Amino acid sequence: MRTRAKISWLAVILLVLLASFLLYYFFVFSRVAAIGTVTNKMEDSITVSFENGDVQTIQVPSDMQHLVHEGGKYFVVYHQNSLRKPFIIKIDEL
C-alpha cells in the first residue's frame, strides 16, 4: 500500500512539473526580436514588414504610439504565442 501511495504522489509531482514547464515555455520563450519597416499605423497596433518577408500586426500601447512613424525602420522586440496576440516590448528606431 505504501509503494502505491508513493508512486501516485510521484506522478502528481511530475504532472505539476510538466504543467509548470509548459506554462513557462508559452510565456517566456515567445519573444521575437527583428528588424523591420512599419507599413501601417493603426489606433492600437502597427503592421511591420520584416526583412525576411514576414508581415506581422503587433499591439502597441497608446503611450508608445508617438514613437512610431509609418515608413520608419525599427528594431522590434515583441511577445507572441498561441495564448495571446502579439504585443510590443521594445521598439528602437534605426
C-alpha atoms as a PDB file:
ATOM      1  CA  MET A   1       0.000   0.000   0.000  1.00  0.00           C
ATOM      2  CA  ARG A   2       2.805   2.452   0.778  1.00  0.00           C
ATOM      3  CA  THR A   3       4.569   1.937  -2.548  1.00  0.00           C
ATOM      4  CA  ARG A   4       1.325   2.624  -4.419  1.00  0.00           C
ATOM      5  CA  ALA A   5       0.872   5.896  -2.487  1.00  0.00           C
ATOM      6  CA  LYS A   6       4.468   6.909  -3.207  1.00  0.00           C
ATOM      7  CA  ILE A   7       4.019   6.194  -6.904  1.00  0.00           C
ATOM      8  CA  SER A   8       0.819   8.232  -7.058  1.00  0.00           C
ATOM      9  CA  TRP A   9       2.477  11.206  -5.302  1.00  0.00           C
ATOM     10  CA  LEU A  10       5.415  10.955  -7.675  1.00  0.00           C
ATOM     11  CA  ALA A  11       3.004  11.022 -10.631  1.00  0.00           C
ATOM     12  CA  VAL A  12       1.275  14.114  -9.236  1.00  0.00           C
ATOM     13  CA  ILE A  13       4.609  15.885  -8.766  1.00  0.00           C
ATOM     14  CA  LEU A  14       5.671  15.008 -12.312  1.00  0.00           C
ATOM     15  CA  LEU A  15       2.383  16.319 -13.729  1.00  0.00           C
ATOM     16  CA  VAL A  16       2.772  19.589 -11.833  1.00  0.00           C
ATOM     17  CA  LEU A  17       6.343  19.961 -13.113  1.00  0.00           C
ATOM     18  CA  LEU A  18       5.219  19.249 -16.681  1.00  0.00           C
ATOM     19  CA  ALA A  19       2.398  21.804 -16.444  1.00  0.00           C
ATOM     20  CA  SER A  20       4.814  24.373 -14.988  1.00  0.00           C
ATOM     21  CA  PHE A  21       7.292  23.759 -17.793  1.00  0.00           C
ATOM     22  CA  LEU A  22       4.596  24.208 -20.462  1.00  0.00           C
ATOM     23  CA  LEU A  23       3.366  27.469 -18.917  1.00  0.00           C
ATOM     24  CA  TYR A  24       6.954  28.717 -18.645  1.00  0.00           C
ATOM     25  CA  TYR A  25       7.569  27.813 -22.290  1.00  0.00           C
ATOM     26  CA  PHE A  26       4.471  29.606 -23.553  1.00  0.00           C
ATOM     27  CA  PHE A  27       5.125  32.794 -21.578  1.00  0.00           C
ATOM     28  CA  VAL A  28       8.917  33.110 -21.633  1.00  0.00           C
ATOM     29  CA  PHE A  29      10.145  31.522 -24.852  1.00  0.00           C
ATOM     30  CA  SER A  30       7.768  33.515 -27.033  1.00  0.00           C
ATOM     31  CA  ARG A  31       9.982  36.574 -27.521  1.00  0.00           C
ATOM     32  CA  VAL A  32      10.763  37.673 -31.090  1.00  0.00           C
ATOM     33  CA  ALA A  33      13.380  40.290 -31.992  1.00  0.00           C
ATOM     34  CA  ALA A  34      13.794  41.508 -35.579  1.00  0.00           C
ATOM     35  CA  ILE A  35      14.412  44.489 -37.816  1.00  0.00           C
ATOM     36  CA  GLY A  36      11.513  45.710 -39.909  1.00  0.00           C
ATOM     37  CA  THR A  37       9.695  48.605 -41.539  1.00  0.00           C
ATOM     38  CA  VAL A  38       6.388  49.940 -40.204  1.00  0.00           C
ATOM     39  CA  THR A  39       3.972  49.770 -43.141  1.00  0.00           C
ATOM     40  CA  ASN A  40       0.755  50.769 -41.370  1.00  0.00           C
ATOM     41  CA  LYS A  41      -0.033  52.531 -38.103  1.00  0.00           C
ATOM     42  CA  MET A  42      -3.474  51.968 -36.571  1.00  0.00           C
ATOM     43  CA  GLU A  43      -5.034  53.257 -33.341  1.00  0.00           C
ATOM     44  CA  ASP A  44      -3.771  50.452 -31.092  1.00  0.00           C
ATOM     45  CA  SER A  45      -1.425  48.453 -33.320  1.00  0.00           C
ATOM     46  CA  ILE A  46       1.170  48.634 -36.087  1.00  0.00           C
ATOM     47  CA  THR A  47       1.853  46.434 -39.082  1.00  0.00           C
ATOM     48  CA  VAL A  48       5.530  45.617 -39.517  1.00  0.00           C
ATOM     49  CA  SER A  49       7.141  44.140 -42.623  1.00  0.00           C
ATOM     50  CA  PHE A  50      10.287  42.299 -41.525  1.00  0.00           C
ATOM     51  CA  GLU A  51      13.408  41.822 -43.616  1.00  0.00           C
ATOM     52  CA  ASN A  52      12.747  38.106 -44.069  1.00  0.00           C
ATOM     53  CA  GLY A  53       9.418  38.883 -45.773  1.00  0.00           C
ATOM     54  CA  ASP A  54       7.075  38.232 -42.844  1.00  0.00           C
ATOM     55  CA  VAL A  55       4.326  40.748 -42.081  1.00  0.00           C
ATOM     56  CA  GLN A  56       3.001  40.966 -38.512  1.00  0.00           C
ATOM     57  CA  THR A  57       0.388  43.133 -36.809  1.00  0.00           C
ATOM     58  CA  ILE A  58       1.572  43.975 -33.291  1.00  0.00           C
ATOM     59  CA  GLN A  59      -0.365  45.681 -30.490  1.00  0.00           C
ATOM     60  CA  VAL A  60       1.251  48.882 -29.235  1.00  0.00           C
ATOM     61  CA  PRO A  61       0.258  50.770 -26.052  1.00  0.00           C
ATOM     62  CA  SER A  62      -1.081  54.286 -26.555  1.00  0.00           C
ATOM     63  CA  ASP A  63       1.920  55.861 -24.802  1.00  0.00           C
ATOM     64  CA  MET A  64       4.289  54.313 -27.378  1.00  0.00           C
ATOM     65  CA  GLN A  65       2.249  55.328 -30.451  1.00  0.00           C
ATOM     66  CA  HIS A  66       4.013  58.690 -30.798  1.00  0.00           C
ATOM     67  CA  LEU A  67       7.391  56.908 -31.089  1.00  0.00           C
ATOM     68  CA  VAL A  68       6.418  55.071 -34.275  1.00  0.00           C
ATOM     69  CA  HIS A  69       6.183  56.569 -37.773  1.00  0.00           C
ATOM     70  CA  GLU A  70       4.992  54.892 -40.967  1.00  0.00           C
ATOM     71  CA  GLY A  71       7.845  54.010 -43.297  1.00  0.00           C
ATOM     72  CA  GLY A  72      10.409  54.066 -40.499  1.00  0.00           C
ATOM     73  CA  LYS A  73      12.866  51.234 -39.949  1.00  0.00           C
ATOM     74  CA  TYR A  74      12.883  49.828 -36.407  1.00  0.00           C
ATOM     75  CA  PHE A  75      14.405  47.148 -34.211  1.00  0.00           C
ATOM     76  CA  VAL A  76      11.307  45.499 -32.705  1.00  0.00           C
ATOM     77  CA  VAL A  77      11.055  43.125 -29.744  1.00  0.00           C
ATOM     78  CA  TYR A  78       7.635  41.582 -29.133  1.00  0.00           C
ATOM     79  CA  HIS A  79       5.977  38.627 -27.422  1.00  0.00           C
ATOM     80  CA  GLN A  80       3.921  36.159 -29.418  1.00  0.00           C
ATOM     81  CA  ASN A  81       2.361  32.820 -28.533  1.00  0.00           C
ATOM     82  CA  SER A  82      -0.833  30.844 -29.000  1.00  0.00           C
ATOM     83  CA  LEU A  83      -2.481  32.255 -25.852  1.00  0.00           C
ATOM     84  CA  ARG A  84      -2.438  35.958 -26.782  1.00  0.00           C
ATOM     85  CA  LYS A  85      -1.985  38.355 -29.690  1.00  0.00           C
ATOM     86  CA  PRO A  86       1.494  39.765 -30.386  1.00  0.00           C
ATOM     87  CA  PHE A  87       2.322  42.826 -28.266  1.00  0.00           C
ATOM     88  CA  ILE A  88       5.354  45.058 -28.303  1.00  0.00           C
ATOM     89  CA  ILE A  89       8.004  45.061 -25.591  1.00  0.00           C
ATOM     90  CA  LYS A  90      10.633  47.367 -27.091  1.00  0.00           C
ATOM     91  CA  ILE A  91      10.993  49.439 -30.251  1.00  0.00           C
ATOM     92  CA  ASP A  92      14.089  51.399 -31.311  1.00  0.00           C
ATOM     93  CA  GLU A  93      14.453  53.474 -34.454  1.00  0.00           C
ATOM     94  CA  LEU A  94      17.419  52.605 -36.646  1.00  0.00           C
END
